[in-house]
C-alpha cells in the first residue's frame, strides 16, 4: 500500500515510518528542505519536498496514496498564531489537497492530542463523547485541526487519534525529566495523574486505525490503559537510572513566572514555556481508551516499567544521559 507520512522526521513520525516499513508498506515522507532527516536517513523511503503551510506544494505530493498519516505540526511555539498556522491551516491545506488530487484515498489519519480535549476537571478519564475544553494554545490549535478533518468525513474516509503523553527513544520532552532525575532532582507541583503511551504502541495503534473500517469518521483515545501519578512516573525513571532524586516542590502560582524565566534564558519554543505551563496547572490528564480496545482491537504491549527502561537505554546509548 502506498503511504504518505507528514512529520516523518520527528520523534513519533520516524517511529511510524519504521513500523510501516516493517509491515510492508510503500512509504513516502513529506519533508521540508530544512528538515533534519537523521532518524529516517538510510531507510527505504521516498522523500517528497513540500510544506503544509503552502497548499500549492502539496497538490502533487498528496496524489496517488492509499493512506496519509498527518503528523506534521508544532507542539511548542512562541505564540498562538504559530500553532494555528501549523496545526490548523497546515491540516486544512493537506486535506484539501488530498480531496482535490486523491479522491480514492483509503484513509486520512490525523494525529491529534489529549490536549485538544483538555484536562479532566472531575478526575474521571476523558472519553471521546466528552465536550472538548482545551486550556492551551497548542490544544486549541489541535482541536481546530480535528474539526477541519471531521468536516470532511463524508468526502473522504478520516480518522482522528488522540494520544496522551507519549514517550520513548528520540523523545526530547520526557528527556528533560530523565536528565533532571539523573542529576538528582525531581520537580513537583502537587499531586497529578497522567495517561501515558509508549511510542511503539502509538504507531501500531495508528496503523490499526487506518486499516479498520469501523474507524472511519471516528475519534479514538489510545493509551496503555493505566493511570499514573507523578510520583509513580518519577519513581519509574529514578529506579531505572539508579538515582535517588531530591524533590523540589514548586507552588503552582510561581509556575508562570518560571516559564517566563525559562523562555528568556533559552529557546522560546522549549518545553518550559508559558503555554505548556497552562496545561501543567491542571491535575488530571487522563483518558479512557476503552473505545479503541473494543472497536479497533487495540492492545498496548508496553507498560511504564519496560518503556522507561528502553527509553533510558536509548538515551544512554546515544549519550544523551
C-alpha atoms as a PDB file:
ATOM      1  CA  UNK A   1       0.000   0.000   0.000  1.00  0.00           C
ATOM      2  CA  UNK A   2       1.277   3.460  -0.887  1.00  0.00           C
ATOM      3  CA  UNK A   3       1.521   5.642   2.197  1.00  0.00           C
ATOM      4  CA  UNK A   4       2.435   9.281   2.819  1.00  0.00           C
ATOM      5  CA  UNK A   5       3.679  10.395   6.238  1.00  0.00           C
ATOM      6  CA  UNK A   6       3.982  14.043   7.211  1.00  0.00           C
ATOM      7  CA  UNK A   7       6.156  14.878  10.194  1.00  0.00           C
ATOM      8  CA  UNK A   8       8.217  11.806   9.322  1.00  0.00           C
ATOM      9  CA  UNK A   9      11.481  13.301  10.553  1.00  0.00           C
ATOM     10  CA  UNK A  10      10.177  13.851  14.076  1.00  0.00           C
ATOM     11  CA  UNK A  11      10.042  11.664  17.180  1.00  0.00           C
ATOM     12  CA  UNK A  12       6.712   9.922  16.551  1.00  0.00           C
ATOM     13  CA  UNK A  13       6.842  10.227  12.752  1.00  0.00           C
ATOM     14  CA  UNK A  14      10.151   8.424  12.424  1.00  0.00           C
ATOM     15  CA  UNK A  15       8.881   5.526  14.529  1.00  0.00           C
ATOM     16  CA  UNK A  16       5.734   5.366  12.400  1.00  0.00           C
ATOM     17  CA  UNK A  17       7.812   5.212   9.220  1.00  0.00           C
ATOM     18  CA  UNK A  18       9.867   2.327  10.613  1.00  0.00           C
ATOM     19  CA  UNK A  19       6.765   0.387  11.642  1.00  0.00           C
ATOM     20  CA  UNK A  20       5.075   0.941   8.274  1.00  0.00           C
ATOM     21  CA  UNK A  21       8.165  -0.403   6.522  1.00  0.00           C
ATOM     22  CA  UNK A  22       8.222  -3.430   8.839  1.00  0.00           C
ATOM     23  CA  UNK A  23       4.616  -4.131   7.891  1.00  0.00           C
ATOM     24  CA  UNK A  24       5.376  -3.959   4.177  1.00  0.00           C
ATOM     25  CA  UNK A  25       4.012  -0.536   3.285  1.00  0.00           C
ATOM     26  CA  UNK A  26       5.492   1.550   0.467  1.00  0.00           C
ATOM     27  CA  UNK A  27       6.363   4.769   2.304  1.00  0.00           C
ATOM     28  CA  UNK A  28       6.887   8.339   1.146  1.00  0.00           C
ATOM     29  CA  UNK A  29       7.773  11.138   3.546  1.00  0.00           C
ATOM     30  CA  UNK A  30       6.711  14.743   3.115  1.00  0.00           C
ATOM     31  CA  UNK A  31       9.621  16.844   4.366  1.00  0.00           C
ATOM     32  CA  UNK A  32      10.808  20.423   4.087  1.00  0.00           C
ATOM     33  CA  UNK A  33      14.151  21.423   2.658  1.00  0.00           C
ATOM     34  CA  UNK A  34      15.199  22.418   6.182  1.00  0.00           C
ATOM     35  CA  UNK A  35      14.092  19.167   7.875  1.00  0.00           C
ATOM     36  CA  UNK A  36      16.643  17.219   9.901  1.00  0.00           C
ATOM     37  CA  UNK A  37      16.420  13.718   8.415  1.00  0.00           C
ATOM     38  CA  UNK A  38      18.734  11.928  10.858  1.00  0.00           C
ATOM     39  CA  UNK A  39      16.063   9.485  12.106  1.00  0.00           C
ATOM     40  CA  UNK A  40      14.923   8.387   8.642  1.00  0.00           C
ATOM     41  CA  UNK A  41      18.252   8.621   6.854  1.00  0.00           C
ATOM     42  CA  UNK A  42      19.060   5.323   5.139  1.00  0.00           C
ATOM     43  CA  UNK A  43      15.506   3.985   5.300  1.00  0.00           C
ATOM     44  CA  UNK A  44      13.836   2.714   2.153  1.00  0.00           C
ATOM     45  CA  UNK A  45      11.526   5.708   1.711  1.00  0.00           C
ATOM     46  CA  UNK A  46      10.843   8.266  -0.977  1.00  0.00           C
ATOM     47  CA  UNK A  47      11.305  11.879   0.025  1.00  0.00           C
ATOM     48  CA  UNK A  48       8.790  14.438  -1.231  1.00  0.00           C
ATOM     49  CA  UNK A  49       9.639  18.055  -0.570  1.00  0.00           C
ATOM     50  CA  UNK A  50       6.762  20.282   0.434  1.00  0.00           C
ATOM     51  CA  UNK A  51       5.350  22.391   3.239  1.00  0.00           C
ATOM     52  CA  UNK A  52       1.902  22.007   4.778  1.00  0.00           C
ATOM     53  CA  UNK A  53       1.761  25.779   5.161  1.00  0.00           C
ATOM     54  CA  UNK A  54       1.893  26.143   1.355  1.00  0.00           C
ATOM     55  CA  UNK A  55      -1.021  24.368  -0.305  1.00  0.00           C
ATOM     56  CA  UNK A  56       0.497  24.619  -3.793  1.00  0.00           C
ATOM     57  CA  UNK A  57       3.432  22.484  -2.660  1.00  0.00           C
ATOM     58  CA  UNK A  58       1.015  19.714  -1.614  1.00  0.00           C
ATOM     59  CA  UNK A  59      -1.128  19.246  -4.706  1.00  0.00           C
ATOM     60  CA  UNK A  60       1.162  16.724  -6.373  1.00  0.00           C
ATOM     61  CA  UNK A  61       2.547  15.464  -3.062  1.00  0.00           C
ATOM     62  CA  UNK A  62      -0.861  14.273  -1.839  1.00  0.00           C
ATOM     63  CA  UNK A  63      -1.797  12.416  -5.023  1.00  0.00           C
ATOM     64  CA  UNK A  64      -1.881   8.643  -5.552  1.00  0.00           C
ATOM     65  CA  UNK A  65      -1.620   7.419  -1.962  1.00  0.00           C
ATOM     66  CA  UNK A  66      -3.752   4.794  -0.260  1.00  0.00           C
ATOM     67  CA  UNK A  67      -3.105   6.246   3.179  1.00  0.00           C
ATOM     68  CA  UNK A  68      -1.994   9.608   4.517  1.00  0.00           C
ATOM     69  CA  UNK A  69      -0.799   9.890   8.107  1.00  0.00           C
ATOM     70  CA  UNK A  70      -0.700  13.560   9.053  1.00  0.00           C
ATOM     71  CA  UNK A  71       1.681  14.049  11.969  1.00  0.00           C
ATOM     72  CA  UNK A  72       3.346  17.320  10.977  1.00  0.00           C
ATOM     73  CA  UNK A  73       2.708  20.234  13.302  1.00  0.00           C
ATOM     74  CA  UNK A  74       4.015  22.258  16.214  1.00  0.00           C
ATOM     75  CA  UNK A  75       3.974  21.112  19.834  1.00  0.00           C
ATOM     76  CA  UNK A  76       5.842  24.194  21.088  1.00  0.00           C
ATOM     77  CA  UNK A  77       5.781  27.707  19.672  1.00  0.00           C
ATOM     78  CA  UNK A  78       6.388  31.301  20.676  1.00  0.00           C
ATOM     79  CA  UNK A  79       2.801  32.438  20.175  1.00  0.00           C
ATOM     80  CA  UNK A  80      -0.685  31.206  19.345  1.00  0.00           C
ATOM     81  CA  UNK A  81      -0.688  32.210  15.678  1.00  0.00           C
ATOM     82  CA  UNK A  82       2.245  29.874  15.023  1.00  0.00           C
ATOM     83  CA  UNK A  83       0.296  26.956  16.497  1.00  0.00           C
ATOM     84  CA  UNK A  84      -2.751  27.680  14.347  1.00  0.00           C
ATOM     85  CA  UNK A  85      -0.681  28.226  11.213  1.00  0.00           C
ATOM     86  CA  UNK A  86       0.930  24.790  11.568  1.00  0.00           C
ATOM     87  CA  UNK A  87      -1.743  22.690  13.254  1.00  0.00           C
ATOM     88  CA  UNK A  88      -4.928  24.108  11.751  1.00  0.00           C
ATOM     89  CA  UNK A  89      -4.059  25.821   8.461  1.00  0.00           C
ATOM     90  CA  UNK A  90      -1.470  23.163   7.605  1.00  0.00           C
ATOM     91  CA  UNK A  91      -4.046  20.430   8.200  1.00  0.00           C
ATOM     92  CA  UNK A  92      -6.635  22.246   6.099  1.00  0.00           C
ATOM     93  CA  UNK A  93      -4.158  22.618   3.231  1.00  0.00           C
ATOM     94  CA  UNK A  94      -3.215  18.949   3.283  1.00  0.00           C
ATOM     95  CA  UNK A  95      -6.713  17.503   3.480  1.00  0.00           C
ATOM     96  CA  UNK A  96      -7.936  19.854   0.750  1.00  0.00           C
ATOM     97  CA  UNK A  97      -5.042  18.744  -1.445  1.00  0.00           C
ATOM     98  CA  UNK A  98      -5.957  15.108  -0.757  1.00  0.00           C
ATOM     99  CA  UNK A  99      -9.606  15.759  -1.640  1.00  0.00           C
ATOM    100  CA  UNK A 100      -8.634  17.543  -4.853  1.00  0.00           C
ATOM    101  CA  UNK A 101      -5.957  15.129  -6.053  1.00  0.00           C
ATOM    102  CA  UNK A 102      -6.657  11.814  -4.296  1.00  0.00           C
ATOM    103  CA  UNK A 103     -10.377  11.060  -4.173  1.00  0.00           C
ATOM    104  CA  UNK A 104      -9.735   7.305  -3.906  1.00  0.00           C
ATOM    105  CA  UNK A 105      -7.732   7.534  -0.680  1.00  0.00           C
ATOM    106  CA  UNK A 106      -8.477   4.727   1.783  1.00  0.00           C
ATOM    107  CA  UNK A 107      -7.827   6.761   4.937  1.00  0.00           C
ATOM    108  CA  UNK A 108      -6.602  10.152   6.152  1.00  0.00           C
ATOM    109  CA  UNK A 109      -5.316   9.743   9.715  1.00  0.00           C
ATOM    110  CA  UNK A 110      -4.821  12.873  11.793  1.00  0.00           C
ATOM    111  CA  UNK A 111      -2.651  12.639  14.887  1.00  0.00           C
ATOM    112  CA  UNK A 112      -4.193  14.978  17.426  1.00  0.00           C
ATOM    113  CA  UNK A 113      -3.597  15.082  21.175  1.00  0.00           C
ATOM    114  CA  UNK A 114      -5.302  14.766  24.541  1.00  0.00           C
ATOM    115  CA  UNK A 115      -4.528  18.489  24.780  1.00  0.00           C
ATOM    116  CA  UNK A 116      -7.273  19.065  22.178  1.00  0.00           C
ATOM    117  CA  UNK A 117      -9.830  17.766  24.672  1.00  0.00           C
ATOM    118  CA  UNK A 118      -8.212  19.359  27.682  1.00  0.00           C
ATOM    119  CA  UNK A 119      -7.801  18.023  31.211  1.00  0.00           C
ATOM    120  CA  UNK A 120     -10.398  16.100  33.165  1.00  0.00           C
ATOM    121  CA  UNK A 121     -11.789  18.502  35.723  1.00  0.00           C
ATOM    122  CA  UNK A 122     -13.659  15.893  37.771  1.00  0.00           C
ATOM    123  CA  UNK A 123     -10.884  13.303  37.858  1.00  0.00           C
ATOM    124  CA  UNK A 124     -12.656  10.843  35.548  1.00  0.00           C
ATOM    125  CA  UNK A 125     -10.642   9.860  32.447  1.00  0.00           C
ATOM    126  CA  UNK A 126     -11.769  11.720  29.328  1.00  0.00           C
ATOM    127  CA  UNK A 127     -13.918   9.894  26.783  1.00  0.00           C
ATOM    128  CA  UNK A 128     -14.435  10.629  23.115  1.00  0.00           C
ATOM    129  CA  UNK A 129     -18.022  11.696  23.795  1.00  0.00           C
ATOM    130  CA  UNK A 130     -16.954  14.471  26.176  1.00  0.00           C
ATOM    131  CA  UNK A 131     -17.039  18.162  25.269  1.00  0.00           C
ATOM    132  CA  UNK A 132     -13.507  19.373  24.414  1.00  0.00           C
ATOM    133  CA  UNK A 133     -12.181  22.141  26.664  1.00  0.00           C
ATOM    134  CA  UNK A 134      -8.546  22.799  25.726  1.00  0.00           C
ATOM    135  CA  UNK A 135      -6.631  25.059  28.102  1.00  0.00           C
ATOM    136  CA  UNK A 136      -3.603  25.883  25.952  1.00  0.00           C
ATOM    137  CA  UNK A 137      -2.988  27.472  22.568  1.00  0.00           C
ATOM    138  CA  UNK A 138      -1.499  24.167  21.419  1.00  0.00           C
ATOM    139  CA  UNK A 139      -4.640  22.305  22.481  1.00  0.00           C
ATOM    140  CA  UNK A 140      -6.940  24.805  20.790  1.00  0.00           C
ATOM    141  CA  UNK A 141      -4.981  24.561  17.548  1.00  0.00           C
ATOM    142  CA  UNK A 142      -5.082  20.751  17.583  1.00  0.00           C
ATOM    143  CA  UNK A 143      -8.814  20.817  18.252  1.00  0.00           C
ATOM    144  CA  UNK A 144      -9.284  23.116  15.278  1.00  0.00           C
ATOM    145  CA  UNK A 145      -7.244  20.656  13.203  1.00  0.00           C
ATOM    146  CA  UNK A 146      -9.612  17.880  14.334  1.00  0.00           C
ATOM    147  CA  UNK A 147     -12.668  19.916  13.377  1.00  0.00           C
ATOM    148  CA  UNK A 148     -11.247  20.632   9.934  1.00  0.00           C
ATOM    149  CA  UNK A 149     -10.623  16.924   9.370  1.00  0.00           C
ATOM    150  CA  UNK A 150     -14.026  15.832  10.676  1.00  0.00           C
ATOM    151  CA  UNK A 151     -15.820  18.366   8.463  1.00  0.00           C
ATOM    152  CA  UNK A 152     -14.628  16.309   5.502  1.00  0.00           C
ATOM    153  CA  UNK A 153     -15.553  12.857   6.858  1.00  0.00           C
ATOM    154  CA  UNK A 154     -18.357  12.481   4.317  1.00  0.00           C
ATOM    155  CA  UNK A 155     -15.995  13.332   1.454  1.00  0.00           C
ATOM    156  CA  UNK A 156     -13.016  11.109   2.246  1.00  0.00           C
ATOM    157  CA  UNK A 157     -12.517   8.488   4.985  1.00  0.00           C
ATOM    158  CA  UNK A 158     -10.825  10.068   8.003  1.00  0.00           C
ATOM    159  CA  UNK A 159      -9.757   9.024  11.499  1.00  0.00           C
ATOM    160  CA  UNK A 160      -8.534  11.146  14.410  1.00  0.00           C
ATOM    161  CA  UNK A 161      -6.187   9.766  17.063  1.00  0.00           C
ATOM    162  CA  UNK A 162      -5.791  11.494  20.439  1.00  0.00           C
ATOM    163  CA  UNK A 163      -2.795  10.138  22.360  1.00  0.00           C
ATOM    164  CA  UNK A 164      -1.884  11.303  25.871  1.00  0.00           C
ATOM    165  CA  UNK A 165       1.754  11.958  26.818  1.00  0.00           C
ATOM    166  CA  UNK A 166       3.936   9.825  24.515  1.00  0.00           C
ATOM    167  CA  UNK A 167       7.456   8.738  25.419  1.00  0.00           C
ATOM    168  CA  UNK A 168      10.219   6.570  24.002  1.00  0.00           C
ATOM    169  CA  UNK A 169      13.548   6.725  22.159  1.00  0.00           C
ATOM    170  CA  UNK A 170      14.258  10.071  20.407  1.00  0.00           C
ATOM    171  CA  UNK A 171      11.782  11.993  22.538  1.00  0.00           C
ATOM    172  CA  UNK A 172      13.164  15.316  23.752  1.00  0.00           C
ATOM    173  CA  UNK A 173      10.379  16.324  26.140  1.00  0.00           C
ATOM    174  CA  UNK A 174      10.493  13.426  28.593  1.00  0.00           C
ATOM    175  CA  UNK A 175      14.264  13.582  28.218  1.00  0.00           C
ATOM    176  CA  UNK A 176      14.240  16.799  30.251  1.00  0.00           C
ATOM    177  CA  UNK A 177      12.802  14.894  33.228  1.00  0.00           C
ATOM    178  CA  UNK A 178      15.155  11.952  32.729  1.00  0.00           C
ATOM    179  CA  UNK A 179      18.103  14.350  32.804  1.00  0.00           C
ATOM    180  CA  UNK A 180      16.884  16.182  35.914  1.00  0.00           C
ATOM    181  CA  UNK A 181      16.315  12.929  37.787  1.00  0.00           C
ATOM    182  CA  UNK A 182      19.672  11.588  36.626  1.00  0.00           C
ATOM    183  CA  UNK A 183      21.210  14.702  38.183  1.00  0.00           C
ATOM    184  CA  UNK A 184      19.394  14.090  41.457  1.00  0.00           C
ATOM    185  CA  UNK A 185      16.430  16.428  41.170  1.00  0.00           C
ATOM    186  CA  UNK A 186      12.702  15.928  40.591  1.00  0.00           C
ATOM    187  CA  UNK A 187      10.140  18.677  40.226  1.00  0.00           C
ATOM    188  CA  UNK A 188       6.714  18.541  41.863  1.00  0.00           C
ATOM    189  CA  UNK A 189       3.785  20.950  41.647  1.00  0.00           C
ATOM    190  CA  UNK A 190       1.300  18.860  43.591  1.00  0.00           C
ATOM    191  CA  UNK A 191      -0.390  15.510  43.094  1.00  0.00           C
ATOM    192  CA  UNK A 192      -1.116  14.915  39.400  1.00  0.00           C
ATOM    193  CA  UNK A 193      -2.324  11.987  37.313  1.00  0.00           C
ATOM    194  CA  UNK A 194      -1.489  11.100  33.729  1.00  0.00           C
ATOM    195  CA  UNK A 195      -2.245   8.620  30.994  1.00  0.00           C
ATOM    196  CA  UNK A 196       0.837   7.533  29.058  1.00  0.00           C
ATOM    197  CA  UNK A 197       1.648   5.658  25.864  1.00  0.00           C
ATOM    198  CA  UNK A 198       4.916   4.198  24.640  1.00  0.00           C
ATOM    199  CA  UNK A 199       5.699   5.308  21.103  1.00  0.00           C
ATOM    200  CA  UNK A 200       5.752   1.800  19.605  1.00  0.00           C
ATOM    201  CA  UNK A 201       2.217   1.170  20.821  1.00  0.00           C
ATOM    202  CA  UNK A 202       1.065   4.509  19.447  1.00  0.00           C
ATOM    203  CA  UNK A 203       2.299   3.920  15.911  1.00  0.00           C
ATOM    204  CA  UNK A 204       0.890   0.390  15.823  1.00  0.00           C
ATOM    205  CA  UNK A 205      -2.434   1.734  17.028  1.00  0.00           C
ATOM    206  CA  UNK A 206      -2.406   4.458  14.391  1.00  0.00           C
ATOM    207  CA  UNK A 207      -1.835   1.895  11.637  1.00  0.00           C
ATOM    208  CA  UNK A 208      -4.558  -0.319  13.103  1.00  0.00           C
ATOM    209  CA  UNK A 209      -6.981   2.603  12.989  1.00  0.00           C
ATOM    210  CA  UNK A 210      -6.117   3.280   9.332  1.00  0.00           C
ATOM    211  CA  UNK A 211      -6.829  -0.325   8.378  1.00  0.00           C
ATOM    212  CA  UNK A 212     -10.071  -0.628  10.349  1.00  0.00           C
ATOM    213  CA  UNK A 213     -13.329   0.043   8.552  1.00  0.00           C
ATOM    214  CA  UNK A 214     -15.036   0.812  11.855  1.00  0.00           C
ATOM    215  CA  UNK A 215     -12.610   3.682  12.477  1.00  0.00           C
ATOM    216  CA  UNK A 216     -13.909   5.759   9.555  1.00  0.00           C
ATOM    217  CA  UNK A 217     -15.138   9.140  10.733  1.00  0.00           C
ATOM    218  CA  UNK A 218     -14.227   8.385  14.354  1.00  0.00           C
ATOM    219  CA  UNK A 219     -12.038   9.823  17.111  1.00  0.00           C
ATOM    220  CA  UNK A 220     -10.040   7.477  19.365  1.00  0.00           C
ATOM    221  CA  UNK A 221      -8.022   7.806  22.533  1.00  0.00           C
ATOM    222  CA  UNK A 222      -5.018   5.496  22.708  1.00  0.00           C
ATOM    223  CA  UNK A 223      -3.229   4.846  25.993  1.00  0.00           C
ATOM    224  CA  UNK A 224      -1.540   1.977  27.804  1.00  0.00           C
ATOM    225  CA  UNK A 225      -4.727   1.543  29.855  1.00  0.00           C
ATOM    226  CA  UNK A 226      -3.310   2.695  33.182  1.00  0.00           C
ATOM    227  CA  UNK A 227      -3.270   5.975  35.092  1.00  0.00           C
ATOM    228  CA  UNK A 228      -0.047   7.072  36.777  1.00  0.00           C
ATOM    229  CA  UNK A 229       0.601   9.619  39.483  1.00  0.00           C
ATOM    230  CA  UNK A 230       3.537  11.954  39.015  1.00  0.00           C
ATOM    231  CA  UNK A 231       5.244  10.158  41.906  1.00  0.00           C
ATOM    232  CA  UNK A 232       4.919   6.807  40.101  1.00  0.00           C
ATOM    233  CA  UNK A 233       6.412   8.252  36.920  1.00  0.00           C
ATOM    234  CA  UNK A 234       9.299   9.809  38.837  1.00  0.00           C
ATOM    235  CA  UNK A 235       9.927   6.559  40.718  1.00  0.00           C
ATOM    236  CA  UNK A 236       9.950   4.532  37.493  1.00  0.00           C
ATOM    237  CA  UNK A 237      12.552   6.834  35.947  1.00  0.00           C
ATOM    238  CA  UNK A 238      14.645   7.074  39.138  1.00  0.00           C
ATOM    239  CA  UNK A 239      14.649   3.297  39.598  1.00  0.00           C
ATOM    240  CA  UNK A 240      15.818   2.739  36.037  1.00  0.00           C
ATOM    241  CA  UNK A 241      18.560   5.336  36.363  1.00  0.00           C
ATOM    242  CA  UNK A 242      19.648   4.221  39.831  1.00  0.00           C
ATOM    243  CA  UNK A 243      19.002   7.711  41.172  1.00  0.00           C
ATOM    244  CA  UNK A 244      17.502   8.995  44.403  1.00  0.00           C
ATOM    245  CA  UNK A 245      16.407  12.479  43.444  1.00  0.00           C
ATOM    246  CA  UNK A 246      15.554  15.278  45.843  1.00  0.00           C
ATOM    247  CA  UNK A 247      12.028  16.546  45.297  1.00  0.00           C
ATOM    248  CA  UNK A 248      11.758  20.263  44.641  1.00  0.00           C
ATOM    249  CA  UNK A 249       8.229  21.487  45.311  1.00  0.00           C
ATOM    250  CA  UNK A 250       7.108  24.358  43.084  1.00  0.00           C
ATOM    251  CA  UNK A 251       3.985  26.304  44.077  1.00  0.00           C
ATOM    252  CA  UNK A 252       1.655  26.442  41.086  1.00  0.00           C
ATOM    253  CA  UNK A 253       1.334  30.195  41.493  1.00  0.00           C
ATOM    254  CA  UNK A 254       5.035  30.513  40.636  1.00  0.00           C
ATOM    255  CA  UNK A 255       4.958  28.288  37.556  1.00  0.00           C
ATOM    256  CA  UNK A 256       4.101  31.067  35.041  1.00  0.00           C
ATOM    257  CA  UNK A 257       6.998  33.113  36.402  1.00  0.00           C
ATOM    258  CA  UNK A 258       9.370  30.176  35.979  1.00  0.00           C
ATOM    259  CA  UNK A 259       8.084  29.703  32.440  1.00  0.00           C
ATOM    260  CA  UNK A 260       8.826  33.340  31.615  1.00  0.00           C
ATOM    261  CA  UNK A 261      12.339  32.968  33.008  1.00  0.00           C
ATOM    262  CA  UNK A 262      12.828  29.715  31.080  1.00  0.00           C
ATOM    263  CA  UNK A 263      11.794  31.337  27.824  1.00  0.00           C
ATOM    264  CA  UNK A 264      14.103  34.302  28.391  1.00  0.00           C
ATOM    265  CA  UNK A 265      17.064  32.103  29.269  1.00  0.00           C
ATOM    266  CA  UNK A 266      16.503  29.578  26.500  1.00  0.00           C
ATOM    267  CA  UNK A 267      14.667  28.986  23.273  1.00  0.00           C
ATOM    268  CA  UNK A 268      11.097  30.298  23.347  1.00  0.00           C
ATOM    269  CA  UNK A 269       9.874  27.023  21.907  1.00  0.00           C
ATOM    270  CA  UNK A 270      11.361  24.731  24.552  1.00  0.00           C
ATOM    271  CA  UNK A 271       9.235  22.662  26.908  1.00  0.00           C
ATOM    272  CA  UNK A 272       9.490  25.257  29.687  1.00  0.00           C
ATOM    273  CA  UNK A 273       7.163  27.833  28.194  1.00  0.00           C
ATOM    274  CA  UNK A 274       4.019  29.729  29.145  1.00  0.00           C
ATOM    275  CA  UNK A 275       1.720  27.595  27.018  1.00  0.00           C
ATOM    276  CA  UNK A 276       2.903  24.287  28.491  1.00  0.00           C
ATOM    277  CA  UNK A 277       2.645  25.719  31.995  1.00  0.00           C
ATOM    278  CA  UNK A 278      -1.056  26.385  31.369  1.00  0.00           C
ATOM    279  CA  UNK A 279      -1.510  22.642  30.904  1.00  0.00           C
ATOM    280  CA  UNK A 280       0.583  21.730  33.939  1.00  0.00           C
ATOM    281  CA  UNK A 281      -1.671  23.820  36.172  1.00  0.00           C
ATOM    282  CA  UNK A 282      -4.244  21.002  35.935  1.00  0.00           C
ATOM    283  CA  UNK A 283      -4.032  17.746  37.882  1.00  0.00           C
ATOM    284  CA  UNK A 284      -5.794  15.196  35.657  1.00  0.00           C
ATOM    285  CA  UNK A 285      -4.513  14.500  32.144  1.00  0.00           C
ATOM    286  CA  UNK A 286      -6.092  11.109  31.714  1.00  0.00           C
ATOM    287  CA  UNK A 287      -8.135   9.371  29.040  1.00  0.00           C
ATOM    288  CA  UNK A 288     -10.223   6.230  28.658  1.00  0.00           C
ATOM    289  CA  UNK A 289      -9.087   4.005  25.773  1.00  0.00           C
ATOM    290  CA  UNK A 290     -11.969   1.520  26.061  1.00  0.00           C
ATOM    291  CA  UNK A 291     -13.365   2.524  22.663  1.00  0.00           C
ATOM    292  CA  UNK A 292     -10.086   1.770  20.870  1.00  0.00           C
ATOM    293  CA  UNK A 293      -9.859  -1.621  22.591  1.00  0.00           C
ATOM    294  CA  UNK A 294     -13.438  -2.578  21.776  1.00  0.00           C
ATOM    295  CA  UNK A 295     -13.712  -1.185  18.250  1.00  0.00           C
ATOM    296  CA  UNK A 296     -10.136  -1.449  16.966  1.00  0.00           C
ATOM    297  CA  UNK A 297      -8.829  -4.361  18.988  1.00  0.00           C
ATOM    298  CA  UNK A 298      -6.040  -2.088  20.227  1.00  0.00           C
ATOM    299  CA  UNK A 299      -3.984  -3.877  22.879  1.00  0.00           C
ATOM    300  CA  UNK A 300      -0.933  -1.936  24.137  1.00  0.00           C
ATOM    301  CA  UNK A 301       2.095  -4.104  24.821  1.00  0.00           C
ATOM    302  CA  UNK A 302       4.393  -1.802  26.788  1.00  0.00           C
ATOM    303  CA  UNK A 303       3.922  -0.675  30.376  1.00  0.00           C
ATOM    304  CA  UNK A 304       5.805   2.071  32.141  1.00  0.00           C
ATOM    305  CA  UNK A 305       8.483  -0.189  33.623  1.00  0.00           C
ATOM    306  CA  UNK A 306       9.626  -1.598  30.278  1.00  0.00           C
ATOM    307  CA  UNK A 307       9.026   1.626  28.376  1.00  0.00           C
ATOM    308  CA  UNK A 308      11.061   3.776  30.734  1.00  0.00           C
ATOM    309  CA  UNK A 309      13.912   1.246  30.742  1.00  0.00           C
ATOM    310  CA  UNK A 310      14.050   1.045  26.943  1.00  0.00           C
ATOM    311  CA  UNK A 311      13.903   4.823  26.701  1.00  0.00           C
ATOM    312  CA  UNK A 312      16.712   5.267  29.237  1.00  0.00           C
ATOM    313  CA  UNK A 313      18.800   2.633  27.455  1.00  0.00           C
ATOM    314  CA  UNK A 314      18.426   4.567  24.206  1.00  0.00           C
ATOM    315  CA  UNK A 315      19.379   7.846  25.882  1.00  0.00           C
ATOM    316  CA  UNK A 316      22.499   6.228  27.282  1.00  0.00           C
ATOM    317  CA  UNK A 317      23.434   4.548  24.013  1.00  0.00           C
ATOM    318  CA  UNK A 318      23.199   7.858  22.198  1.00  0.00           C
ATOM    319  CA  UNK A 319      24.984   9.696  25.008  1.00  0.00           C
ATOM    320  CA  UNK A 320      22.048  11.882  25.941  1.00  0.00           C
ATOM    321  CA  UNK A 321      22.465  10.740  29.543  1.00  0.00           C
END
